[in-house]
Amino acid sequence: MCFLIFYKWFFVDAGKSNPSILITMIDMFLSVGSGIDADDKFYEGQEQVQLCLVILAICMVPIMFATKPLIEKYQRNKDVADYEALSYDSDDEDLEERERVEQAAEMDMWVNQGIHTIEFCLGVVSNTASYLRLWALSLAHSELSEVLWDMTMYYAFYWLDWDEGGCILLIFIFVAWAALTVSILLCMEGLSAFLHALRLHWVEFQNKFYDGNGYKFLPFSFALILENEENLEEIMAI
């Protein structure tokens, strides 16, 4: 998607064709192997590239699901073999209990990895759609600016009579256009883009590594210190 955005900026002539990035991303998975119309094609060989990317994404799912459990299972079996080699006087019941615990832990590990794999696959789709929202905001911003210009300054330049006070009326139209541009495009659209970008960083981006662990923040307070000392003195007195 990032490659298509830059490719469309620099190499696609909007006067000849205007392919949609959003439609291309959707059809890449929903219409695998089907042809692409000339108006919707960005470059030659796009069908083969999309097919390879889809096959690679599908192959990554079982790899992502099985790699971590298999590695941990190999390490656990190695540790068990070293433990059994050192424990000559181990009881059979202890070994059986250890095997049952390890089997339960292995089952939990596979289930946990399966849940994470499903969550990641679903998150890829939702996160991509969320980041495309910023692209849609930029398009809406450009269309809204064009509408404001056409409804104010465009009519002022082409329809006002300059000999009958049109210049004075143009001043008021310009003030209205400037006020709408600052209030709607700069303030409202800027705030909307800022909130969307902030949400994407906190929700889609940080959920890949943020755990939320740590210590609860407690502001400095003399009352809290005195209360803790009183509680400590009561405990010591008991």
Protein backbone atom coordinates (compact mmCIF):
# COMPACT_ATOMS: atom_id res chain seq x y z
CA MET A 1 0.00 0.00 0.00
CA CYS A 2 2.80 2.45 0.86
CA PHE A 3 4.51 1.61 -2.45
CA LEU A 4 1.30 2.28 -4.39
CA ILE A 5 0.83 5.63 -2.65
CA PHE A 6 4.26 6.90 -3.71
CA TYR A 7 3.95 5.29 -7.13
CA LYS A 8 0.65 7.08 -7.72
CA TRP A 9 2.14 10.39 -6.61
CA PHE A 10 5.11 10.28 -8.96
CA PHE A 11 4.25 8.05 -11.94
CA VAL A 12 0.46 7.95 -12.49
CA ASP A 13 -1.00 10.53 -14.84
CA ALA A 14 -4.38 11.50 -13.41
CA GLY A 15 -5.48 12.84 -16.79
CA LYS A 16 -5.20 9.45 -18.47
CA SER A 17 -6.11 7.04 -15.66
CA ASN A 18 -6.84 7.31 -11.97
CA PRO A 19 -6.66 3.86 -10.34
CA SER A 20 -7.90 3.56 -6.78
CA ILE A 21 -5.53 2.27 -4.11
CA LEU A 22 -8.38 1.19 -1.84
CA ILE A 23 -10.10 -0.81 -4.59
CA THR A 24 -6.75 -2.35 -5.54
CA MET A 25 -6.10 -3.50 -1.96
CA ILE A 26 -9.59 -5.02 -1.70
CA ASP A 27 -9.50 -6.76 -5.09
CA MET A 28 -6.04 -8.18 -4.37
CA PHE A 29 -7.61 -10.57 -1.84
CA LEU A 30 -11.19 -10.86 -3.13
CA SER A 31 -10.31 -11.32 -6.82
CA VAL A 32 -7.15 -13.43 -6.66
CA GLY A 33 -5.94 -14.51 -10.09
CA SER A 34 -8.46 -12.46 -12.04
CA GLY A 35 -7.42 -9.87 -14.55
CA ILE A 36 -7.11 -6.17 -13.83
CA ASP A 37 -8.71 -3.56 -16.06
CA ALA A 38 -6.42 -1.14 -17.84
CA ASP A 39 -7.93 1.83 -15.99
CA ASP A 40 -7.30 0.18 -12.60
CA LYS A 41 -3.75 -0.99 -13.30
CA PHE A 42 -0.78 0.87 -11.86
CA TYR A 43 2.08 -0.91 -13.64
CA GLU A 44 2.79 -3.89 -15.87
CA GLY A 45 2.99 -7.23 -14.10
CA GLN A 46 0.75 -6.08 -11.25
CA GLU A 47 -1.31 -9.30 -11.33
CA GLN A 48 1.77 -11.50 -10.76
CA VAL A 49 3.04 -9.28 -7.95
CA GLN A 50 -0.33 -9.32 -6.16
CA LEU A 51 -0.64 -13.10 -6.55
CA CYS A 52 2.83 -13.63 -5.05
CA LEU A 53 2.02 -11.33 -2.13
CA VAL A 54 -1.25 -13.15 -1.40
CA ILE A 55 0.44 -16.58 -1.52
CA LEU A 56 3.24 -15.32 0.72
CA ALA A 57 0.73 -13.92 3.22
CA ILE A 58 -1.19 -17.21 3.34
CA CYS A 59 2.04 -19.21 3.82
CA MET A 60 3.05 -16.98 6.71
CA VAL A 61 -0.03 -17.94 8.74
CA PRO A 62 0.98 -21.58 9.54
CA ILE A 63 4.59 -20.50 9.99
CA MET A 64 3.54 -17.87 12.50
CA PHE A 65 1.29 -20.38 14.26
CA ALA A 66 3.75 -23.27 14.57
CA THR A 67 7.23 -21.71 14.83
CA LYS A 68 7.17 -20.52 18.44
CA PRO A 69 5.50 -23.66 19.94
CA LEU A 70 7.87 -25.98 18.06
CA ILE A 71 10.94 -24.06 19.22
CA GLU A 72 9.75 -24.04 22.83
CA LYS A 73 8.90 -27.74 22.60
CA TYR A 74 12.39 -28.52 21.32
CA GLN A 75 13.98 -26.52 24.13
CA ARG A 76 11.74 -28.19 26.71
CA ASN A 77 12.56 -31.69 25.45
CA LYS A 78 16.23 -30.84 25.58
CA ASP A 79 15.92 -29.63 29.17
CA VAL A 80 13.96 -32.76 30.11
CA ALA A 81 16.63 -35.00 28.58
CA ASP A 82 19.34 -33.20 30.51
CA TYR A 83 17.29 -33.45 33.71
CA GLU A 84 16.65 -37.17 33.28
CA ALA A 85 20.34 -37.75 32.57
CA LEU A 86 21.29 -36.09 35.83
CA SER A 87 18.46 -37.53 37.96
CA TYR A 88 19.39 -41.18 38.39
CA ASP A 89 17.26 -41.74 41.50
CA SER A 90 14.06 -40.13 40.21
CA ASP A 91 10.84 -41.91 41.00
CA ASP A 92 8.59 -43.09 38.15
CA GLU A 93 5.63 -41.27 39.66
CA ASP A 94 7.56 -38.01 39.67
CA LEU A 95 8.47 -38.48 36.01
CA GLU A 96 4.85 -39.24 35.08
CA GLU A 97 3.61 -36.19 36.97
CA ARG A 98 6.21 -34.07 35.24
CA GLU A 99 5.12 -35.40 31.83
CA ARG A 100 1.46 -34.60 32.57
CA VAL A 101 2.33 -31.07 33.59
CA GLU A 102 4.42 -30.59 30.46
CA GLN A 103 1.65 -31.91 28.20
CA ALA A 104 -0.85 -29.51 29.76
CA ALA A 105 1.60 -26.63 29.37
CA GLU A 106 2.20 -27.59 25.74
CA MET A 107 -1.54 -27.67 25.01
CA ASP A 108 -1.96 -24.25 26.60
CA MET A 109 0.92 -22.95 24.52
CA TRP A 110 -0.65 -24.15 21.24
CA VAL A 111 -4.03 -22.67 22.17
CA ASN A 112 -2.45 -19.37 23.17
CA GLN A 113 -0.44 -19.20 19.96
CA GLY A 114 -3.56 -19.99 17.91
CA ILE A 115 -5.44 -17.15 19.56
CA HIS A 116 -2.58 -14.73 18.90
CA THR A 117 -2.39 -15.87 15.26
CA ILE A 118 -6.11 -15.33 14.66
CA GLU A 119 -5.96 -11.97 16.43
CA PHE A 120 -2.99 -10.90 14.32
CA CYS A 121 -4.62 -11.93 11.03
CA LEU A 122 -7.79 -10.03 11.88
CA GLY A 123 -5.76 -7.08 13.11
CA VAL A 124 -3.90 -6.83 9.80
CA VAL A 125 -7.17 -6.20 7.97
CA SER A 126 -8.57 -3.77 10.54
CA ASN A 127 -5.29 -1.88 10.96
CA THR A 128 -4.84 -1.49 7.21
CA ALA A 129 -8.38 -0.16 6.89
CA SER A 130 -7.75 2.22 9.78
CA TYR A 131 -4.62 3.64 8.19
CA LEU A 132 -6.48 4.07 4.91
CA ARG A 133 -8.75 6.43 6.83
CA LEU A 134 -5.95 9.01 6.80
CA TRP A 135 -5.75 8.70 3.04
CA ALA A 136 -9.53 9.27 2.86
CA LEU A 137 -9.19 12.33 5.09
CA SER A 138 -6.66 13.88 2.74
CA LEU A 139 -8.99 13.29 -0.21
CA ALA A 140 -11.93 14.79 1.69
CA HIS A 141 -9.77 17.78 2.60
CA SER A 142 -8.89 18.48 -1.03
CA GLU A 143 -12.49 18.08 -2.21
CA LEU A 144 -13.78 20.36 0.54
CA SER A 145 -11.26 23.07 -0.29
CA GLU A 146 -12.29 22.89 -3.95
CA VAL A 147 -15.98 23.20 -3.03
CA LEU A 148 -15.31 26.26 -0.84
CA TRP A 149 -13.34 27.94 -3.62
CA ASP A 150 -15.99 27.22 -6.27
CA MET A 151 -18.87 28.48 -4.12
CA THR A 152 -17.17 31.73 -3.11
CA MET A 153 -14.18 33.08 -5.02
CA TYR A 154 -14.94 31.31 -8.29
CA TYR A 155 -18.35 32.96 -8.62
CA ALA A 156 -16.91 36.26 -7.46
CA PHE A 157 -14.31 36.35 -10.23
CA TYR A 158 -16.63 35.25 -13.01
CA TRP A 159 -20.02 36.74 -12.13
CA LEU A 160 -19.41 40.06 -10.38
CA ASP A 161 -19.69 43.30 -12.26
CA TRP A 162 -16.51 45.22 -11.52
CA ASP A 163 -17.99 48.54 -12.64
CA GLU A 164 -20.93 48.42 -10.21
CA GLY A 165 -19.28 47.87 -6.85
CA GLY A 166 -18.02 44.38 -7.55
CA CYS A 167 -14.67 45.13 -5.99
CA ILE A 168 -16.29 46.04 -2.68
CA LEU A 169 -18.42 42.92 -2.73
CA LEU A 170 -15.34 40.84 -3.51
CA ILE A 171 -13.80 41.98 -0.22
CA PHE A 172 -16.72 40.54 1.77
CA ILE A 173 -16.66 37.33 -0.27
CA PHE A 174 -12.95 36.97 0.37
CA VAL A 175 -13.50 37.46 4.11
CA ALA A 176 -16.18 34.74 4.06
CA TRP A 177 -13.92 32.40 2.09
CA ALA A 178 -10.98 33.02 4.44
CA ALA A 179 -13.15 32.49 7.54
CA LEU A 180 -14.55 29.22 6.18
CA THR A 181 -11.09 28.06 5.15
CA VAL A 182 -9.58 28.73 8.58
CA SER A 183 -12.54 27.40 10.59
CA ILE A 184 -13.34 24.29 8.55
CA LEU A 185 -10.19 23.27 6.71
CA LEU A 186 -7.49 24.35 9.14
CA CYS A 187 -9.22 23.91 12.51
CA MET A 188 -11.81 21.17 12.07
CA GLU A 189 -9.96 19.09 9.48
CA GLY A 190 -6.64 19.57 11.27
CA LEU A 191 -8.15 18.45 14.57
CA SER A 192 -9.78 15.46 12.89
CA ALA A 193 -6.52 14.36 11.26
CA PHE A 194 -4.65 14.82 14.56
CA LEU A 195 -7.16 12.71 16.51
CA HIS A 196 -7.16 9.96 13.89
CA ALA A 197 -3.36 9.83 13.82
CA LEU A 198 -3.23 9.78 17.64
CA ARG A 199 -5.76 6.94 17.77
CA LEU A 200 -3.83 4.95 15.17
CA HIS A 201 -0.60 5.26 17.16
CA TRP A 202 -2.21 4.28 20.47
CA VAL A 203 -4.49 1.50 19.21
CA GLU A 204 -3.13 -0.02 16.00
CA PHE A 205 0.58 0.65 16.45
CA GLN A 206 1.24 0.23 20.17
CA ASN A 207 -0.83 -2.93 20.59
CA LYS A 208 2.03 -4.82 18.92
CA PHE A 209 4.40 -4.31 21.85
CA TYR A 210 2.64 -2.40 24.65
CA ASP A 211 1.75 -4.59 27.66
CA GLY A 212 0.57 -2.04 30.21
CA ASN A 213 2.74 -3.42 33.00
CA GLY A 214 4.41 -1.31 35.63
CA TYR A 215 3.62 0.47 38.88
CA LYS A 216 0.59 2.58 39.58
CA PHE A 217 1.37 6.28 39.69
CA LEU A 218 0.90 7.81 43.12
CA PRO A 219 1.50 11.57 43.40
CA PHE A 220 3.64 12.81 46.26
CA SER A 221 1.54 13.56 49.32
CA PHE A 222 2.50 14.28 52.94
CA ALA A 223 -0.91 13.07 54.09
CA LEU A 224 -0.30 9.68 52.47
CA ILE A 225 3.14 9.42 54.10
CA LEU A 226 1.74 10.26 57.55
CA GLU A 227 -1.09 7.76 57.08
CA ASN A 228 1.37 5.00 56.16
CA GLU A 229 3.51 5.82 59.21
CA GLU A 230 0.45 5.69 61.49
CA ASN A 231 -0.52 2.32 60.05
CA LEU A 232 3.02 1.06 60.55
CA GLU A 233 3.04 2.23 64.18
CA GLU A 234 -0.27 0.44 64.82
CA ILE A 235 1.12 -2.76 63.35
CA MET A 236 4.31 -2.49 65.43
CA ALA A 237 2.26 -1.86 68.58
CA ILE A 238 0.29 -5.04 68.02
